[in-house]
């Protein structure tokens, strides 16, 4: 696998991992707090403008 694609996978993985770890650590408390999936989706949404296409260009 190309190193740039590994980098892209690592970025996406880190976004999900940070969400799940934050949720598991109880950073947010209360019943109205989002679950790990919602947090992961929110983190991934921040990557929407990431230049993914640039990773596949030579």
PDB file of N, CA and C in Angstrom:
ATOM      1  N   UNK A   1       0.844  -1.180   0.000  1.00  0.00           N
ATOM      2  CA  UNK A   1       0.000   0.000   0.000  1.00  0.00           C
ATOM      3  C   UNK A   1       0.887   1.240   0.000  1.00  0.00           C
ATOM      4  N   UNK A   2       0.487   2.221  -0.751  1.00  0.00           N
ATOM      5  CA  UNK A   2       1.212   3.476  -0.845  1.00  0.00           C
ATOM      6  C   UNK A   2       1.223   4.185   0.514  1.00  0.00           C
ATOM      7  N   UNK A   3       2.335   4.814   0.848  1.00  0.00           N
ATOM      8  CA  UNK A   3       2.470   5.508   2.137  1.00  0.00           C
ATOM      9  C   UNK A   3       1.431   6.603   2.300  1.00  0.00           C
ATOM     10  N   UNK A   4       1.039   7.260   1.204  1.00  0.00           N
ATOM     11  CA  UNK A   4       0.022   8.316   1.300  1.00  0.00           C
ATOM     12  C   UNK A   4      -1.332   7.748   1.672  1.00  0.00           C
ATOM     13  N   UNK A   5      -1.639   6.567   1.175  1.00  0.00           N
ATOM     14  CA  UNK A   5      -2.911   5.938   1.538  1.00  0.00           C
ATOM     15  C   UNK A   5      -2.877   5.469   2.985  1.00  0.00           C
ATOM     16  N   UNK A   6      -1.725   5.014   3.444  1.00  0.00           N
ATOM     17  CA  UNK A   6      -1.589   4.663   4.867  1.00  0.00           C
ATOM     18  C   UNK A   6      -1.817   5.890   5.740  1.00  0.00           C
ATOM     19  N   UNK A   7      -1.285   7.015   5.301  1.00  0.00           N
ATOM     20  CA  UNK A   7      -1.475   8.257   6.039  1.00  0.00           C
ATOM     21  C   UNK A   7      -2.958   8.613   6.109  1.00  0.00           C
ATOM     22  N   UNK A   8      -3.662   8.499   4.993  1.00  0.00           N
ATOM     23  CA  UNK A   8      -5.089   8.801   4.979  1.00  0.00           C
ATOM     24  C   UNK A   8      -5.851   7.883   5.931  1.00  0.00           C
ATOM     25  N   UNK A   9      -5.510   6.608   5.917  1.00  0.00           N
ATOM     26  CA  UNK A   9      -6.161   5.656   6.821  1.00  0.00           C
ATOM     27  C   UNK A   9      -5.848   5.986   8.275  1.00  0.00           C
ATOM     28  N   UNK A  10      -4.629   6.405   8.549  1.00  0.00           N
ATOM     29  CA  UNK A  10      -4.247   6.757   9.914  1.00  0.00           C
ATOM     30  C   UNK A  10      -5.002   7.992  10.398  1.00  0.00           C
ATOM     31  N   UNK A  11      -5.198   8.966   9.532  1.00  0.00           N
ATOM     32  CA  UNK A  11      -5.939  10.177   9.898  1.00  0.00           C
ATOM     33  C   UNK A  11      -7.380   9.822  10.262  1.00  0.00           C
ATOM     34  N   UNK A  12      -8.027   9.036   9.419  1.00  0.00           N
ATOM     35  CA  UNK A  12      -9.406   8.644   9.689  1.00  0.00           C
ATOM     36  C   UNK A  12      -9.491   7.784  10.946  1.00  0.00           C
ATOM     37  N   UNK A  13      -8.553   6.879  11.106  1.00  0.00           N
ATOM     38  CA  UNK A  13      -8.539   6.018  12.286  1.00  0.00           C
ATOM     39  C   UNK A  13      -8.344   6.828  13.562  1.00  0.00           C
ATOM     40  N   UNK A  14      -7.468   7.809  13.513  1.00  0.00           N
ATOM     41  CA  UNK A  14      -7.226   8.649  14.693  1.00  0.00           C
ATOM     42  C   UNK A  14      -8.462   9.443  15.072  1.00  0.00           C
ATOM     43  N   UNK A  15      -9.222   9.883  14.100  1.00  0.00           N
ATOM     44  CA  UNK A  15     -10.447  10.627  14.386  1.00  0.00           C
ATOM     45  C   UNK A  15     -11.452   9.753  15.135  1.00  0.00           C
ATOM     46  N   UNK A  16     -11.577   8.521  14.700  1.00  0.00           N
ATOM     47  CA  UNK A  16     -12.493   7.592  15.363  1.00  0.00           C
ATOM     48  C   UNK A  16     -11.952   7.205  16.740  1.00  0.00           C
ATOM     49  N   UNK A  17     -10.673   6.914  16.804  1.00  0.00           N
ATOM     50  CA  UNK A  17     -10.068   6.504  18.084  1.00  0.00           C
ATOM     51  C   UNK A  17     -10.192   7.596  19.140  1.00  0.00           C
ATOM     52  N   UNK A  18      -9.932   8.837  18.762  1.00  0.00           N
ATOM     53  CA  UNK A  18     -10.034   9.944  19.707  1.00  0.00           C
ATOM     54  C   UNK A  18     -11.454  10.069  20.246  1.00  0.00           C
ATOM     55  N   UNK A  19     -12.437   9.862  19.399  1.00  0.00           N
ATOM     56  CA  UNK A  19     -13.832   9.936  19.827  1.00  0.00           C
ATOM     57  C   UNK A  19     -14.166   8.834  20.826  1.00  0.00           C
ATOM     58  N   UNK A  20     -13.779   7.616  20.503  1.00  0.00           N
ATOM     59  CA  UNK A  20     -14.094   6.481  21.372  1.00  0.00           C
ATOM     60  C   UNK A  20     -13.341   6.585  22.699  1.00  0.00           C
ATOM     61  N   UNK A  21     -12.079   6.986  22.644  1.00  0.00           N
ATOM     62  CA  UNK A  21     -11.308   7.124  23.879  1.00  0.00           C
ATOM     63  C   UNK A  21     -11.874   8.231  24.759  1.00  0.00           C
ATOM     64  N   UNK A  22     -12.278   9.340  24.153  1.00  0.00           N
ATOM     65  CA  UNK A  22     -12.888  10.423  24.922  1.00  0.00           C
ATOM     66  C   UNK A  22     -14.179   9.987  25.574  1.00  0.00           C
ATOM     67  N   UNK A  23     -14.988   9.250  24.821  1.00  0.00           N
ATOM     68  CA  UNK A  23     -16.250   8.755  25.368  1.00  0.00           C
ATOM     69  C   UNK A  23     -15.988   7.776  26.515  1.00  0.00           C
ATOM     70  N   UNK A  24     -15.050   6.857  26.308  1.00  0.00           N
ATOM     71  CA  UNK A  24     -14.755   5.847  27.322  1.00  0.00           C
ATOM     72  C   UNK A  24     -14.179   6.467  28.591  1.00  0.00           C
ATOM     73  N   UNK A  25     -13.437   7.550  28.440  1.00  0.00           N
ATOM     74  CA  UNK A  25     -12.851   8.223  29.602  1.00  0.00           C
ATOM     75  C   UNK A  25     -13.885   9.043  30.361  1.00  0.00           C
ATOM     76  N   UNK A  26     -15.064   9.187  29.772  1.00  0.00           N
ATOM     77  CA  UNK A  26     -16.118   9.946  30.442  1.00  0.00           C
ATOM     78  C   UNK A  26     -15.887  11.441  30.407  1.00  0.00           C
ATOM     79  N   UNK A  27     -15.267  11.932  29.327  1.00  0.00           N
ATOM     80  CA  UNK A  27     -15.031  13.369  29.194  1.00  0.00           C
ATOM     81  C   UNK A  27     -16.335  14.154  29.246  1.00  0.00           C
ATOM     82  N   UNK A  28     -17.385  13.579  28.711  1.00  0.00           N
ATOM     83  CA  UNK A  28     -18.704  14.208  28.780  1.00  0.00           C
ATOM     84  C   UNK A  28     -19.567  13.414  29.740  1.00  0.00           C
ATOM     85  N   UNK A  29     -20.280  14.085  30.587  1.00  0.00           N
ATOM     86  CA  UNK A  29     -21.124  13.376  31.538  1.00  0.00           C
ATOM     87  C   UNK A  29     -22.571  13.792  31.346  1.00  0.00           C
ATOM     88  N   UNK A  30     -23.463  12.941  31.756  1.00  0.00           N
ATOM     89  CA  UNK A  30     -24.889  13.235  31.656  1.00  0.00           C
ATOM     90  C   UNK A  30     -25.557  12.385  30.600  1.00  0.00           C
ATOM     91  N   UNK A  31     -26.846  12.270  30.727  1.00  0.00           N
ATOM     92  CA  UNK A  31     -27.608  11.421  29.819  1.00  0.00           C
ATOM     93  C   UNK A  31     -27.716  11.993  28.413  1.00  0.00           C
ATOM     94  N   UNK A  32     -27.587  13.300  28.278  1.00  0.00           N
ATOM     95  CA  UNK A  32     -27.755  13.920  26.965  1.00  0.00           C
ATOM     96  C   UNK A  32     -26.459  13.952  26.156  1.00  0.00           C
ATOM     97  N   UNK A  33     -25.413  13.308  26.655  1.00  0.00           N
ATOM     98  CA  UNK A  33     -24.126  13.290  25.963  1.00  0.00           C
ATOM     99  C   UNK A  33     -24.179  12.311  24.788  1.00  0.00           C
ATOM    100  N   UNK A  34     -23.515  12.675  23.688  1.00  0.00           N
ATOM    101  CA  UNK A  34     -23.509  11.765  22.532  1.00  0.00           C
ATOM    102  C   UNK A  34     -22.714  10.495  22.816  1.00  0.00           C
ATOM    103  N   UNK A  35     -23.074   9.440  22.117  1.00  0.00           N
ATOM    104  CA  UNK A  35     -22.368   8.172  22.253  1.00  0.00           C
ATOM    105  C   UNK A  35     -21.124   8.158  21.384  1.00  0.00           C
ATOM    106  N   UNK A  36     -20.382   7.060  21.439  1.00  0.00           N
ATOM    107  CA  UNK A  36     -19.125   6.990  20.687  1.00  0.00           C
ATOM    108  C   UNK A  36     -19.310   7.099  19.171  1.00  0.00           C
ATOM    109  N   UNK A  37     -20.379   6.541  18.643  1.00  0.00           N
ATOM    110  CA  UNK A  37     -20.595   6.621  17.195  1.00  0.00           C
ATOM    111  C   UNK A  37     -20.860   8.065  16.771  1.00  0.00           C
ATOM    112  N   UNK A  38     -21.675   8.762  17.538  1.00  0.00           N
ATOM    113  CA  UNK A  38     -21.957  10.164  17.214  1.00  0.00           C
ATOM    114  C   UNK A  38     -20.687  11.014  17.291  1.00  0.00           C
ATOM    115  N   UNK A  39     -19.880  10.768  18.294  1.00  0.00           N
ATOM    116  CA  UNK A  39     -18.631  11.501  18.435  1.00  0.00           C
ATOM    117  C   UNK A  39     -17.684  11.200  17.278  1.00  0.00           C
ATOM    118  N   UNK A  40     -17.625   9.938  16.877  1.00  0.00           N
ATOM    119  CA  UNK A  40     -16.761   9.557  15.760  1.00  0.00           C
ATOM    120  C   UNK A  40     -17.210  10.233  14.471  1.00  0.00           C
ATOM    121  N   UNK A  41     -18.507  10.254  14.227  1.00  0.00           N
ATOM    122  CA  UNK A  41     -19.033  10.910  13.022  1.00  0.00           C
ATOM    123  C   UNK A  41     -18.705  12.405  13.049  1.00  0.00           C
ATOM    124  N   UNK A  42     -18.827  13.019  14.216  1.00  0.00           N
ATOM    125  CA  UNK A  42     -18.498  14.442  14.337  1.00  0.00           C
ATOM    126  C   UNK A  42     -17.023  14.688  14.039  1.00  0.00           C
ATOM    127  N   UNK A  43     -16.152  13.820  14.557  1.00  0.00           N
ATOM    128  CA  UNK A  43     -14.727  13.973  14.286  1.00  0.00           C
ATOM    129  C   UNK A  43     -14.420  13.765  12.803  1.00  0.00           C
ATOM    130  N   UNK A  44     -15.047  12.773  12.212  1.00  0.00           N
ATOM    131  CA  UNK A  44     -14.820  12.532  10.789  1.00  0.00           C
ATOM    132  C   UNK A  44     -15.333  13.690   9.941  1.00  0.00           C
ATOM    133  N   UNK A  45     -16.395  14.337  10.385  1.00  0.00           N
ATOM    134  CA  UNK A  45     -16.936  15.484   9.651  1.00  0.00           C
ATOM    135  C   UNK A  45     -15.920  16.625   9.586  1.00  0.00           C
ATOM    136  N   UNK A  46     -15.075  16.720  10.598  1.00  0.00           N
ATOM    137  CA  UNK A  46     -14.060  17.770  10.567  1.00  0.00           C
ATOM    138  C   UNK A  46     -13.028  17.526   9.478  1.00  0.00           C
ATOM    139  N   UNK A  47     -12.960  16.299   8.996  1.00  0.00           N
ATOM    140  CA  UNK A  47     -12.021  15.955   7.934  1.00  0.00           C
ATOM    141  C   UNK A  47     -12.603  16.161   6.540  1.00  0.00           C
ATOM    142  N   UNK A  48     -13.819  16.663   6.470  1.00  0.00           N
ATOM    143  CA  UNK A  48     -14.504  16.812   5.186  1.00  0.00           C
ATOM    144  C   UNK A  48     -13.665  17.610   4.182  1.00  0.00           C
ATOM    145  N   UNK A  49     -12.977  18.631   4.648  1.00  0.00           N
ATOM    146  CA  UNK A  49     -12.198  19.478   3.743  1.00  0.00           C
ATOM    147  C   UNK A  49     -10.732  19.043   3.630  1.00  0.00           C
ATOM    148  N   UNK A  50     -10.411  17.916   4.201  1.00  0.00           N
ATOM    149  CA  UNK A  50      -9.056  17.394   4.088  1.00  0.00           C
ATOM    150  C   UNK A  50      -8.763  17.116   2.611  1.00  0.00           C
ATOM    151  N   UNK A  51      -7.578  17.447   2.128  1.00  0.00           N
ATOM    152  CA  UNK A  51      -7.271  17.261   0.701  1.00  0.00           C
ATOM    153  C   UNK A  51      -6.984  15.792   0.337  1.00  0.00           C
ATOM    154  N   UNK A  52      -7.996  14.961   0.433  1.00  0.00           N
ATOM    155  CA  UNK A  52      -7.824  13.528   0.168  1.00  0.00           C
ATOM    156  C   UNK A  52      -7.301  13.279  -1.237  1.00  0.00           C
ATOM    157  N   UNK A  53      -7.797  14.027  -2.225  1.00  0.00           N
ATOM    158  CA  UNK A  53      -7.370  13.809  -3.610  1.00  0.00           C
ATOM    159  C   UNK A  53      -5.875  14.035  -3.789  1.00  0.00           C
ATOM    160  N   UNK A  54      -5.321  14.940  -3.017  1.00  0.00           N
ATOM    161  CA  UNK A  54      -3.891  15.222  -3.128  1.00  0.00           C
ATOM    162  C   UNK A  54      -3.052  14.021  -2.722  1.00  0.00           C
ATOM    163  N   UNK A  55      -3.608  13.139  -1.921  1.00  0.00           N
ATOM    164  CA  UNK A  55      -2.869  11.959  -1.488  1.00  0.00           C
ATOM    165  C   UNK A  55      -2.670  10.941  -2.599  1.00  0.00           C
ATOM    166  N   UNK A  56      -3.531  10.970  -3.598  1.00  0.00           N
ATOM    167  CA  UNK A  56      -3.429   9.991  -4.672  1.00  0.00           C
ATOM    168  C   UNK A  56      -2.727  10.552  -5.895  1.00  0.00           C
ATOM    169  N   UNK A  57      -2.423  11.850  -5.877  1.00  0.00           N
ATOM    170  CA  UNK A  57      -1.706  12.448  -6.998  1.00  0.00           C
ATOM    171  C   UNK A  57      -0.226  12.125  -6.902  1.00  0.00           C
ATOM    172  N   UNK A  58       0.397  11.978  -8.009  1.00  0.00           N
ATOM    173  CA  UNK A  58       1.837  11.672  -8.040  1.00  0.00           C
ATOM    174  C   UNK A  58       2.660  12.908  -7.792  1.00  0.00           C
TER     175      UNK A  58
END
